[in-house]
Amino acid sequence: MNQRRLGLVILNVHSSGLDSIHGSLDYIFRKLYLKGQYSYVLEKGANPFLFAGLQADIFLIDTKTKKKVFEERIGYLGIVHPEVLKNISWSYPVSCLEINFQILSEKI
């Protein structure tokens, strides 16, 4: 399957960088603007490679009705689980974000 996706990874010696990842998501949506009609909402995620409780799925919502545009998530963000980092020999906290632009372009 060929899809257009945006991925961000932040590795920081002093903190997880989750606040920077979330800020980047806000910035992306502000720049996309999506005709002022769409925004996003975060809901509890269940990705096994991300730290439980420190992750979220991203859903597109209509800004007027505050309802999901469609049930499929458009991305996720969170802190990478320490076991995953250990397996790839990274010793510092890592946060990540992925957005599926293919879904946005096809559905809107």
PDB file of N, CA and C in Angstrom:
ATOM      1  N   MET A   1       0.844  -1.173   0.000  1.00  0.00           N
ATOM      2  CA  MET A   1       0.000   0.000   0.000  1.00  0.00           C
ATOM      3  C   MET A   1       0.894   1.242   0.000  1.00  0.00           C
ATOM      4  N   ASN A   2       0.601   2.179  -0.870  1.00  0.00           N
ATOM      5  CA  ASN A   2       1.363   3.403  -0.973  1.00  0.00           C
ATOM      6  C   ASN A   2       0.522   4.548  -0.415  1.00  0.00           C
ATOM      7  N   GLN A   3       0.987   5.176   0.658  1.00  0.00           N
ATOM      8  CA  GLN A   3       0.256   6.279   1.275  1.00  0.00           C
ATOM      9  C   GLN A   3       1.210   7.408   1.622  1.00  0.00           C
ATOM     10  N   ARG A   4       0.691   8.630   1.622  1.00  0.00           N
ATOM     11  CA  ARG A   4       1.465   9.784   2.074  1.00  0.00           C
ATOM     12  C   ARG A   4       1.244   9.969   3.562  1.00  0.00           C
ATOM     13  N   ARG A   5       2.342   9.949   4.322  1.00  0.00           N
ATOM     14  CA  ARG A   5       2.273  10.121   5.765  1.00  0.00           C
ATOM     15  C   ARG A   5       3.334  11.107   6.216  1.00  0.00           C
ATOM     16  N   LEU A   6       3.062  11.758   7.323  1.00  0.00           N
ATOM     17  CA  LEU A   6       4.021  12.648   7.950  1.00  0.00           C
ATOM     18  C   LEU A   6       4.425  12.039   9.276  1.00  0.00           C
ATOM     19  N   GLY A   7       5.711  11.936   9.516  1.00  0.00           N
ATOM     20  CA  GLY A   7       6.202  11.409  10.777  1.00  0.00           C
ATOM     21  C   GLY A   7       7.170  12.376  11.431  1.00  0.00           C
ATOM     22  N   LEU A   8       7.060  12.507  12.738  1.00  0.00           N
ATOM     23  CA  LEU A   8       7.978  13.330  13.528  1.00  0.00           C
ATOM     24  C   LEU A   8       8.490  12.486  14.686  1.00  0.00           C
ATOM     25  N   VAL A   9       9.767  12.623  14.972  1.00  0.00           N
ATOM     26  CA  VAL A   9      10.372  11.939  16.113  1.00  0.00           C
ATOM     27  C   VAL A   9      11.231  12.946  16.849  1.00  0.00           C
ATOM     28  N   ILE A  10      11.076  12.992  18.171  1.00  0.00           N
ATOM     29  CA  ILE A  10      11.903  13.874  18.990  1.00  0.00           C
ATOM     30  C   ILE A  10      12.625  13.030  20.022  1.00  0.00           C
ATOM     31  N   LEU A  11      13.938  13.142  20.036  1.00  0.00           N
ATOM     32  CA  LEU A  11      14.780  12.493  21.032  1.00  0.00           C
ATOM     33  C   LEU A  11      15.386  13.606  21.868  1.00  0.00           C
ATOM     34  N   ASN A  12      15.216  13.515  23.180  1.00  0.00           N
ATOM     35  CA  ASN A  12      15.683  14.568  24.065  1.00  0.00           C
ATOM     36  C   ASN A  12      16.358  13.935  25.274  1.00  0.00           C
ATOM     37  N   VAL A  13      17.502  14.445  25.643  1.00  0.00           N
ATOM     38  CA  VAL A  13      18.258  13.912  26.778  1.00  0.00           C
ATOM     39  C   VAL A  13      17.535  14.161  28.091  1.00  0.00           C
ATOM     40  N   HIS A  14      16.830  15.288  28.214  1.00  0.00           N
ATOM     41  CA  HIS A  14      16.262  15.706  29.489  1.00  0.00           C
ATOM     42  C   HIS A  14      14.785  15.392  29.689  1.00  0.00           C
ATOM     43  N   SER A  15      14.027  15.222  28.609  1.00  0.00           N
ATOM     44  CA  SER A  15      12.595  14.957  28.750  1.00  0.00           C
ATOM     45  C   SER A  15      12.100  14.139  27.571  1.00  0.00           C
ATOM     46  N   SER A  16      10.856  13.713  27.650  1.00  0.00           N
ATOM     47  CA  SER A  16      10.297  12.878  26.586  1.00  0.00           C
ATOM     48  C   SER A  16      10.034  13.658  25.306  1.00  0.00           C
ATOM     49  N   GLY A  17       9.772  14.957  25.416  1.00  0.00           N
ATOM     50  CA  GLY A  17       9.469  15.767  24.238  1.00  0.00           C
ATOM     51  C   GLY A  17       8.030  15.655  23.776  1.00  0.00           C
ATOM     52  N   LEU A  18       7.171  15.019  24.586  1.00  0.00           N
ATOM     53  CA  LEU A  18       5.770  14.859  24.183  1.00  0.00           C
ATOM     54  C   LEU A  18       5.076  16.208  24.011  1.00  0.00           C
ATOM     55  N   ASP A  19       5.433  17.178  24.843  1.00  0.00           N
ATOM     56  CA  ASP A  19       4.844  18.507  24.701  1.00  0.00           C
ATOM     57  C   ASP A  19       5.228  19.143  23.366  1.00  0.00           C
ATOM     58  N   SER A  20       6.431  18.916  22.910  1.00  0.00           N
ATOM     59  CA  SER A  20       6.863  19.445  21.611  1.00  0.00           C
ATOM     60  C   SER A  20       6.146  18.752  20.464  1.00  0.00           C
ATOM     61  N   ILE A  21       5.928  17.445  20.605  1.00  0.00           N
ATOM     62  CA  ILE A  21       5.185  16.687  19.585  1.00  0.00           C
ATOM     63  C   ILE A  21       3.756  17.203  19.494  1.00  0.00           C
ATOM     64  N   HIS A  22       3.122  17.401  20.649  1.00  0.00           N
ATOM     65  CA  HIS A  22       1.745  17.902  20.653  1.00  0.00           C
ATOM     66  C   HIS A  22       1.693  19.315  20.076  1.00  0.00           C
ATOM     67  N   GLY A  23       2.665  20.144  20.408  1.00  0.00           N
ATOM     68  CA  GLY A  23       2.747  21.485  19.837  1.00  0.00           C
ATOM     69  C   GLY A  23       2.924  21.448  18.331  1.00  0.00           C
ATOM     70  N   SER A  24       3.700  20.483  17.849  1.00  0.00           N
ATOM     71  CA  SER A  24       3.893  20.331  16.403  1.00  0.00           C
ATOM     72  C   SER A  24       2.585  19.956  15.716  1.00  0.00           C
ATOM     73  N   LEU A  25       1.794  19.098  16.362  1.00  0.00           N
ATOM     74  CA  LEU A  25       0.489  18.724  15.815  1.00  0.00           C
ATOM     75  C   LEU A  25      -0.409  19.958  15.711  1.00  0.00           C
ATOM     76  N   ASP A  26      -0.428  20.783  16.752  1.00  0.00           N
ATOM     77  CA  ASP A  26      -1.202  22.026  16.709  1.00  0.00           C
ATOM     78  C   ASP A  26      -0.743  22.910  15.558  1.00  0.00           C
ATOM     79  N   TYR A  27       0.561  23.036  15.397  1.00  0.00           N
ATOM     80  CA  TYR A  27       1.125  23.873  14.337  1.00  0.00           C
ATOM     81  C   TYR A  27       0.726  23.353  12.956  1.00  0.00           C
ATOM     82  N   ILE A  28       0.804  22.048  12.764  1.00  0.00           N
ATOM     83  CA  ILE A  28       0.428  21.436  11.479  1.00  0.00           C
ATOM     84  C   ILE A  28      -1.026  21.744  11.149  1.00  0.00           C
ATOM     85  N   PHE A  29      -1.911  21.578  12.116  1.00  0.00           N
ATOM     86  CA  PHE A  29      -3.328  21.839  11.860  1.00  0.00           C
ATOM     87  C   PHE A  29      -3.589  23.322  11.640  1.00  0.00           C
ATOM     88  N   ARG A  30      -2.853  24.174  12.326  1.00  0.00           N
ATOM     89  CA  ARG A  30      -3.009  25.615  12.115  1.00  0.00           C
ATOM     90  C   ARG A  30      -2.577  25.994  10.694  1.00  0.00           C
ATOM     91  N   LYS A  31      -1.498  25.398  10.211  1.00  0.00           N
ATOM     92  CA  LYS A  31      -1.013  25.697   8.863  1.00  0.00           C
ATOM     93  C   LYS A  31      -1.896  25.075   7.779  1.00  0.00           C
ATOM     94  N   LEU A  32      -2.414  23.870   8.035  1.00  0.00           N
ATOM     95  CA  LEU A  32      -3.308  23.233   7.062  1.00  0.00           C
ATOM     96  C   LEU A  32      -4.638  23.975   6.992  1.00  0.00           C
ATOM     97  N   TYR A  33      -5.073  24.462   8.116  1.00  0.00           N
ATOM     98  CA  TYR A  33      -6.307  25.209   8.295  1.00  0.00           C
ATOM     99  C   TYR A  33      -7.545  24.412   7.923  1.00  0.00           C
ATOM    100  N   LEU A  34      -7.481  23.602   6.896  1.00  0.00           N
ATOM    101  CA  LEU A  34      -8.589  22.754   6.471  1.00  0.00           C
ATOM    102  C   LEU A  34      -9.900  23.530   6.355  1.00  0.00           C
ATOM    103  N   LYS A  35      -9.794  24.705   5.732  1.00  0.00           N
ATOM    104  CA  LYS A  35     -10.944  25.571   5.450  1.00  0.00           C
ATOM    105  C   LYS A  35     -11.651  26.046   6.722  1.00  0.00           C
ATOM    106  N   GLY A  36     -10.974  25.962   7.861  1.00  0.00           N
ATOM    107  CA  GLY A  36     -11.569  26.375   9.126  1.00  0.00           C
ATOM    108  C   GLY A  36     -12.668  25.459   9.608  1.00  0.00           C
ATOM    109  N   GLN A  37     -12.952  24.425   8.835  1.00  0.00           N
ATOM    110  CA  GLN A  37     -14.062  23.532   9.148  1.00  0.00           C
ATOM    111  C   GLN A  37     -13.636  22.335   9.993  1.00  0.00           C
ATOM    112  N   TYR A  38     -12.352  21.995   9.970  1.00  0.00           N
ATOM    113  CA  TYR A  38     -11.909  20.780  10.637  1.00  0.00           C
ATOM    114  C   TYR A  38     -10.813  21.045  11.655  1.00  0.00           C
ATOM    115  N   SER A  39     -10.811  20.233  12.683  1.00  0.00           N
ATOM    116  CA  SER A  39      -9.770  20.253  13.690  1.00  0.00           C
ATOM    117  C   SER A  39      -9.517  18.799  14.089  1.00  0.00           C
ATOM    118  N   TYR A  40      -8.916  18.587  15.238  1.00  0.00           N
ATOM    119  CA  TYR A  40      -8.659  17.216  15.672  1.00  0.00           C
ATOM    120  C   TYR A  40      -9.029  17.044  17.137  1.00  0.00           C
ATOM    121  N   VAL A  41      -9.188  15.811  17.517  1.00  0.00           N
ATOM    122  CA  VAL A  41      -9.407  15.443  18.906  1.00  0.00           C
ATOM    123  C   VAL A  41      -8.502  14.243  19.201  1.00  0.00           C
ATOM    124  N   LEU A  42      -7.994  14.191  20.426  1.00  0.00           N
ATOM    125  CA  LEU A  42      -7.151  13.072  20.852  1.00  0.00           C
ATOM    126  C   LEU A  42      -7.972  12.131  21.715  1.00  0.00           C
ATOM    127  N   GLU A  43      -7.818  10.842  21.470  1.00  0.00           N
ATOM    128  CA  GLU A  43      -8.463   9.818  22.289  1.00  0.00           C
ATOM    129  C   GLU A  43      -7.419   8.791  22.690  1.00  0.00           C
ATOM    130  N   LYS A  44      -7.677   8.104  23.774  1.00  0.00           N
ATOM    131  CA  LYS A  44      -6.744   7.111  24.292  1.00  0.00           C
ATOM    132  C   LYS A  44      -6.367   6.109  23.205  1.00  0.00           C
ATOM    133  N   GLY A  45      -5.064   5.906  23.048  1.00  0.00           N
ATOM    134  CA  GLY A  45      -4.559   4.992  22.038  1.00  0.00           C
ATOM    135  C   GLY A  45      -4.172   3.641  22.628  1.00  0.00           C
ATOM    136  N   ALA A  46      -3.886   2.687  21.734  1.00  0.00           N
ATOM    137  CA  ALA A  46      -3.520   1.334  22.167  1.00  0.00           C
ATOM    138  C   ALA A  46      -2.382   0.761  21.320  1.00  0.00           C
ATOM    139  N   ASN A  47      -1.420   1.610  20.933  1.00  0.00           N
ATOM    140  CA  ASN A  47      -0.282   1.113  20.161  1.00  0.00           C
ATOM    141  C   ASN A  47       0.682   0.381  21.087  1.00  0.00           C
ATOM    142  N   PRO A  48       1.032  -0.853  20.765  1.00  0.00           N
ATOM    143  CA  PRO A  48       1.894  -1.628  21.665  1.00  0.00           C
ATOM    144  C   PRO A  48       3.321  -1.106  21.763  1.00  0.00           C
ATOM    145  N   PHE A  49       3.787  -0.350  20.779  1.00  0.00           N
ATOM    146  CA  PHE A  49       5.150   0.159  20.848  1.00  0.00           C
ATOM    147  C   PHE A  49       5.249   1.504  21.561  1.00  0.00           C
ATOM    148  N   LEU A  50       4.105   2.079  21.945  1.00  0.00           N
ATOM    149  CA  LEU A  50       4.095   3.326  22.701  1.00  0.00           C
ATOM    150  C   LEU A  50       3.764   3.050  24.158  1.00  0.00           C
ATOM    151  N   PHE A  51       4.215   3.928  25.035  1.00  0.00           N
ATOM    152  CA  PHE A  51       4.018   3.783  26.471  1.00  0.00           C
ATOM    153  C   PHE A  51       2.533   3.894  26.799  1.00  0.00           C
ATOM    154  N   ALA A  52       1.996   2.910  27.504  1.00  0.00           N
ATOM    155  CA  ALA A  52       0.573   2.910  27.879  1.00  0.00           C
ATOM    156  C   ALA A  52       0.264   4.132  28.740  1.00  0.00           C
ATOM    157  N   GLY A  53      -0.807   4.810  28.420  1.00  0.00           N
ATOM    158  CA  GLY A  53      -1.206   5.990  29.165  1.00  0.00           C
ATOM    159  C   GLY A  53      -0.548   7.279  28.690  1.00  0.00           C
ATOM    160  N   LEU A  54       0.472   7.168  27.859  1.00  0.00           N
ATOM    161  CA  LEU A  54       1.164   8.341  27.343  1.00  0.00           C
ATOM    162  C   LEU A  54       1.140   8.335  25.815  1.00  0.00           C
ATOM    163  N   GLN A  55      -0.033   8.032  25.282  1.00  0.00           N
ATOM    164  CA  GLN A  55      -0.224   7.976  23.841  1.00  0.00           C
ATOM    165  C   GLN A  55      -1.660   8.354  23.516  1.00  0.00           C
ATOM    166  N   ALA A  56      -1.897   8.721  22.274  1.00  0.00           N
ATOM    167  CA  ALA A  56      -3.247   9.088  21.854  1.00  0.00           C
ATOM    168  C   ALA A  56      -3.412   8.852  20.368  1.00  0.00           C
ATOM    169  N   ASP A  57      -4.627   8.496  19.979  1.00  0.00           N
ATOM    170  CA  ASP A  57      -5.004   8.421  18.576  1.00  0.00           C
ATOM    171  C   ASP A  57      -5.580   9.779  18.180  1.00  0.00           C
ATOM    172  N   ILE A  58      -5.351  10.180  16.942  1.00  0.00           N
ATOM    173  CA  ILE A  58      -5.805  11.474  16.446  1.00  0.00           C
ATOM    174  C   ILE A  58      -6.978  11.249  15.496  1.00  0.00           C
ATOM    175  N   PHE A  59      -8.090  11.944  15.759  1.00  0.00           N
ATOM    176  CA  PHE A  59      -9.277  11.853  14.924  1.00  0.00           C
ATOM    177  C   PHE A  59      -9.631  13.239  14.405  1.00  0.00           C
ATOM    178  N   LEU A  60     -10.094  13.296  13.168  1.00  0.00           N
ATOM    179  CA  LEU A  60     -10.522  14.544  12.558  1.00  0.00           C
ATOM    180  C   LEU A  60     -11.947  14.841  12.998  1.00  0.00           C
ATOM    181  N   ILE A  61     -12.195  16.089  13.413  1.00  0.00           N
ATOM    182  CA  ILE A  61     -13.552  16.477  13.821  1.00  0.00           C
ATOM    183  C   ILE A  61     -13.991  17.728  13.060  1.00  0.00           C
ATOM    184  N   ASP A  62     -15.294  17.867  12.940  1.00  0.00           N
ATOM    185  CA  ASP A  62     -15.897  19.075  12.389  1.00  0.00           C
ATOM    186  C   ASP A  62     -15.907  20.112  13.507  1.00  0.00           C
ATOM    187  N   THR A  63     -15.375  21.305  13.263  1.00  0.00           N
ATOM    188  CA  THR A  63     -15.262  22.304  14.323  1.00  0.00           C
ATOM    189  C   THR A  63     -16.617  22.841  14.793  1.00  0.00           C
ATOM    190  N   LYS A  64     -17.618  22.796  13.938  1.00  0.00           N
ATOM    191  CA  LYS A  64     -18.936  23.303  14.324  1.00  0.00           C
ATOM    192  C   LYS A  64     -19.704  22.305  15.178  1.00  0.00           C
ATOM    193  N   THR A  65     -19.743  21.052  14.751  1.00  0.00           N
ATOM    194  CA  THR A  65     -20.538  20.043  15.464  1.00  0.00           C
ATOM    195  C   THR A  65     -19.727  19.307  16.527  1.00  0.00           C
ATOM    196  N   LYS A  66     -18.397  19.399  16.483  1.00  0.00           N
ATOM    197  CA  LYS A  66     -17.483  18.689  17.388  1.00  0.00           C
ATOM    198  C   LYS A  66     -17.610  17.169  17.270  1.00  0.00           C
ATOM    199  N   LYS A  67     -18.140  16.700  16.130  1.00  0.00           N
ATOM    200  CA  LYS A  67     -18.280  15.264  15.885  1.00  0.00           C
ATOM    201  C   LYS A  67     -17.188  14.802  14.934  1.00  0.00           C
ATOM    202  N   LYS A  68     -16.828  13.532  15.060  1.00  0.00           N
ATOM    203  CA  LYS A  68     -15.824  12.958  14.177  1.00  0.00           C
ATOM    204  C   LYS A  68     -16.319  12.974  12.741  1.00  0.00           C
ATOM    205  N   VAL A  69     -15.422  13.318  11.831  1.00  0.00           N
ATOM    206  CA  VAL A  69     -15.755  13.326  10.416  1.00  0.00           C
ATOM    207  C   VAL A  69     -15.912  11.894   9.924  1.00  0.00           C
ATOM    208  N   PHE A  70     -15.054  11.007  10.395  1.00  0.00           N
ATOM    209  CA  PHE A  70     -15.154   9.573  10.137  1.00  0.00           C
ATOM    210  C   PHE A  70     -14.484   8.846  11.285  1.00  0.00           C
ATOM    211  N   GLU A  71     -14.822   7.594  11.481  1.00  0.00           N
ATOM    212  CA  GLU A  71     -14.364   6.834  12.644  1.00  0.00           C
ATOM    213  C   GLU A  71     -12.905   6.409  12.567  1.00  0.00           C
ATOM    214  N   GLU A  72     -12.327   6.421  11.391  1.00  0.00           N
ATOM    215  CA  GLU A  72     -10.946   5.990  11.223  1.00  0.00           C
ATOM    216  C   GLU A  72      -9.995   7.061  11.763  1.00  0.00           C
ATOM    217  N   ARG A  73      -9.014   6.640  12.543  1.00  0.00           N
ATOM    218  CA  ARG A  73      -8.039   7.603  13.057  1.00  0.00           C
ATOM    219  C   ARG A  73      -7.169   8.104  11.909  1.00  0.00           C
ATOM    220  N   ILE A  74      -6.688   9.337  12.051  1.00  0.00           N
ATOM    221  CA  ILE A  74      -5.806   9.889  11.026  1.00  0.00           C
ATOM    222  C   ILE A  74      -4.349   9.844  11.467  1.00  0.00           C
ATOM    223  N   GLY A  75      -4.107   9.427  12.697  1.00  0.00           N
ATOM    224  CA  GLY A  75      -2.736   9.343  13.181  1.00  0.00           C
ATOM    225  C   GLY A  75      -2.675   9.014  14.658  1.00  0.00           C
ATOM    226  N   TYR A  76      -1.463   9.144  15.191  1.00  0.00           N
ATOM    227  CA  TYR A  76      -1.238   8.879  16.614  1.00  0.00           C
ATOM    228  C   TYR A  76      -0.021   9.663  17.081  1.00  0.00           C
ATOM    229  N   LEU A  77       0.077   9.810  18.395  1.00  0.00           N
ATOM    230  CA  LEU A  77       1.259  10.404  18.998  1.00  0.00           C
ATOM    231  C   LEU A  77       1.487   9.756  20.342  1.00  0.00           C
ATOM    232  N   GLY A  78       2.711   9.827  20.832  1.00  0.00           N
ATOM    233  CA  GLY A  78       3.006   9.263  22.135  1.00  0.00           C
ATOM    234  C   GLY A  78       4.487   9.119  22.398  1.00  0.00           C
ATOM    235  N   ILE A  79       4.782   8.556  23.565  1.00  0.00           N
ATOM    236  CA  ILE A  79       6.158   8.293  23.985  1.00  0.00           C
ATOM    237  C   ILE A  79       6.474   6.841  23.679  1.00  0.00           C
ATOM    238  N   VAL A  80       7.583   6.615  23.003  1.00  0.00           N
ATOM    239  CA  VAL A  80       7.986   5.254  22.628  1.00  0.00           C
ATOM    240  C   VAL A  80       8.333   4.469  23.892  1.00  0.00           C
ATOM    241  N   HIS A  81       7.831   3.227  23.950  1.00  0.00           N
ATOM    242  CA  HIS A  81       8.035   2.372  25.115  1.00  0.00           C
ATOM    243  C   HIS A  81       9.522   2.088  25.337  1.00  0.00           C
ATOM    244  N   PRO A  82       9.965   2.077  26.607  1.00  0.00           N
ATOM    245  CA  PRO A  82      11.380   1.827  26.909  1.00  0.00           C
ATOM    246  C   PRO A  82      11.928   0.510  26.351  1.00  0.00           C
ATOM    247  N   GLU A  83      11.105  -0.530  26.283  1.00  0.00           N
ATOM    248  CA  GLU A  83      11.566  -1.811  25.725  1.00  0.00           C
ATOM    249  C   GLU A  83      11.889  -1.682  24.244  1.00  0.00           C
ATOM    250  N   VAL A  84      11.099  -0.904  23.525  1.00  0.00           N
ATOM    251  CA  VAL A  84      11.362  -0.667  22.105  1.00  0.00           C
ATOM    252  C   VAL A  84      12.685   0.073  21.957  1.00  0.00           C
ATOM    253  N   LEU A  85      12.890   1.092  22.777  1.00  0.00           N
ATOM    254  CA  LEU A  85      14.139   1.856  22.726  1.00  0.00           C
ATOM    255  C   LEU A  85      15.337   0.971  23.064  1.00  0.00           C
ATOM    256  N   LYS A  86      15.155   0.090  24.028  1.00  0.00           N
ATOM    257  CA  LYS A  86      16.232  -0.836  24.408  1.00  0.00           C
ATOM    258  C   LYS A  86      16.583  -1.757  23.239  1.00  0.00           C
ATOM    259  N   ASN A  87      15.575  -2.224  22.513  1.00  0.00           N
ATOM    260  CA  ASN A  87      15.798  -3.129  21.379  1.00  0.00           C
ATOM    261  C   ASN A  87      16.554  -2.468  20.232  1.00  0.00           C
ATOM    262  N   ILE A  88      16.450  -1.156  20.110  1.00  0.00           N
ATOM    263  CA  ILE A  88      17.166  -0.463  19.034  1.00  0.00           C
ATOM    264  C   ILE A  88      18.374   0.316  19.579  1.00  0.00           C
ATOM    265  N   SER A  89      18.707   0.072  20.831  1.00  0.00           N
ATOM    266  CA  SER A  89      19.897   0.646  21.485  1.00  0.00           C
ATOM    267  C   SER A  89      19.866   2.173  21.575  1.00  0.00           C
ATOM    268  N   TRP A  90      18.691   2.735  21.840  1.00  0.00           N
ATOM    269  CA  TRP A  90      18.582   4.166  22.104  1.00  0.00           C
ATOM    270  C   TRP A  90      18.408   4.329  23.602  1.00  0.00           C
ATOM    271  N   SER A  91      19.171   5.184  24.211  1.00  0.00           N
ATOM    272  CA  SER A  91      19.136   5.299  25.669  1.00  0.00           C
ATOM    273  C   SER A  91      18.435   6.554  26.173  1.00  0.00           C
ATOM    274  N   TYR A  92      17.815   7.330  25.270  1.00  0.00           N
ATOM    275  CA  TYR A  92      17.128   8.551  25.679  1.00  0.00           C
ATOM    276  C   TYR A  92      15.641   8.462  25.321  1.00  0.00           C
ATOM    277  N   PRO A  93      14.803   9.210  26.047  1.00  0.00           N
ATOM    278  CA  PRO A  93      13.366   9.203  25.753  1.00  0.00           C
ATOM    279  C   PRO A  93      13.069   9.717  24.341  1.00  0.00           C
ATOM    280  N   VAL A  94      12.073   9.107  23.711  1.00  0.00           N
ATOM    281  CA  VAL A  94      11.677   9.466  22.350  1.00  0.00           C
ATOM    282  C   VAL A  94      10.160   9.605  22.287  1.00  0.00           C
ATOM    283  N   SER A  95       9.703  10.676  21.657  1.00  0.00           N
ATOM    284  CA  SER A  95       8.280  10.849  21.369  1.00  0.00           C
ATOM    285  C   SER A  95       8.099  10.888  19.866  1.00  0.00           C
ATOM    286  N   CYS A  96       6.909  10.472  19.417  1.00  0.00           N
ATOM    287  CA  CYS A  96       6.679  10.420  17.973  1.00  0.00           C
ATOM    288  C   CYS A  96       5.250  10.835  17.641  1.00  0.00           C
ATOM    289  N   LEU A  97       5.076  11.182  16.372  1.00  0.00           N
ATOM    290  CA  LEU A  97       3.790  11.580  15.818  1.00  0.00           C
ATOM    291  C   LEU A  97       3.744  11.057  14.396  1.00  0.00           C
ATOM    292  N   GLU A  98       2.603  10.524  14.000  1.00  0.00           N
ATOM    293  CA  GLU A  98       2.399  10.143  12.605  1.00  0.00           C
ATOM    294  C   GLU A  98       0.996  10.562  12.194  1.00  0.00           C
ATOM    295  N   ILE A  99       0.896  11.194  11.023  1.00  0.00           N
ATOM    296  CA  ILE A  99      -0.388  11.591  10.461  1.00  0.00           C
ATOM    297  C   ILE A  99      -0.489  11.017   9.056  1.00  0.00           C
ATOM    298  N   ASN A 100      -1.627  10.429   8.753  1.00  0.00           N
ATOM    299  CA  ASN A 100      -1.880   9.860   7.435  1.00  0.00           C
ATOM    300  C   ASN A 100      -2.553  10.926   6.561  1.00  0.00           C
ATOM    301  N   PHE A 101      -1.771  11.592   5.711  1.00  0.00           N
ATOM    302  CA  PHE A 101      -2.324  12.614   4.832  1.00  0.00           C
ATOM    303  C   PHE A 101      -3.149  12.002   3.711  1.00  0.00           C
ATOM    304  N   GLN A 102      -2.948  10.743   3.419  1.00  0.00           N
ATOM    305  CA  GLN A 102      -3.729  10.064   2.392  1.00  0.00           C
ATOM    306  C   GLN A 102      -5.207  10.060   2.775  1.00  0.00           C
ATOM    307  N   ILE A 103      -5.486   9.764   4.029  1.00  0.00           N
ATOM    308  CA  ILE A 103      -6.869   9.761   4.519  1.00  0.00           C
ATOM    309  C   ILE A 103      -7.469  11.161   4.386  1.00  0.00           C
ATOM    310  N   LEU A 104      -6.718  12.166   4.803  1.00  0.00           N
ATOM    311  CA  LEU A 104      -7.228  13.534   4.709  1.00  0.00           C
ATOM    312  C   LEU A 104      -7.556  13.927   3.284  1.00  0.00           C
ATOM    313  N   SER A 105      -6.663  13.612   2.350  1.00  0.00           N
ATOM    314  CA  SER A 105      -6.883  14.012   0.974  1.00  0.00           C
ATOM    315  C   SER A 105      -8.012  13.242   0.299  1.00  0.00           C
ATOM    316  N   GLU A 106      -8.238  12.006   0.693  1.00  0.00           N
ATOM    317  CA  GLU A 106      -9.295  11.196   0.088  1.00  0.00           C
ATOM    318  C   GLU A 106     -10.673  11.468   0.689  1.00  0.00           C
ATOM    319  N   LYS A 107     -10.713  11.771   1.967  1.00  0.00           N
ATOM    320  CA  LYS A 107     -11.999  11.886   2.651  1.00  0.00           C
ATOM    321  C   LYS A 107     -12.554  13.301   2.652  1.00  0.00           C
ATOM    322  N   ILE A 108     -11.687  14.288   2.453  1.00  0.00           N
ATOM    323  CA  ILE A 108     -12.153  15.678   2.560  1.00  0.00           C
ATOM    324  C   ILE A 108     -12.050  16.357   1.210  1.00  0.00           C
TER     325      ILE A 108
END
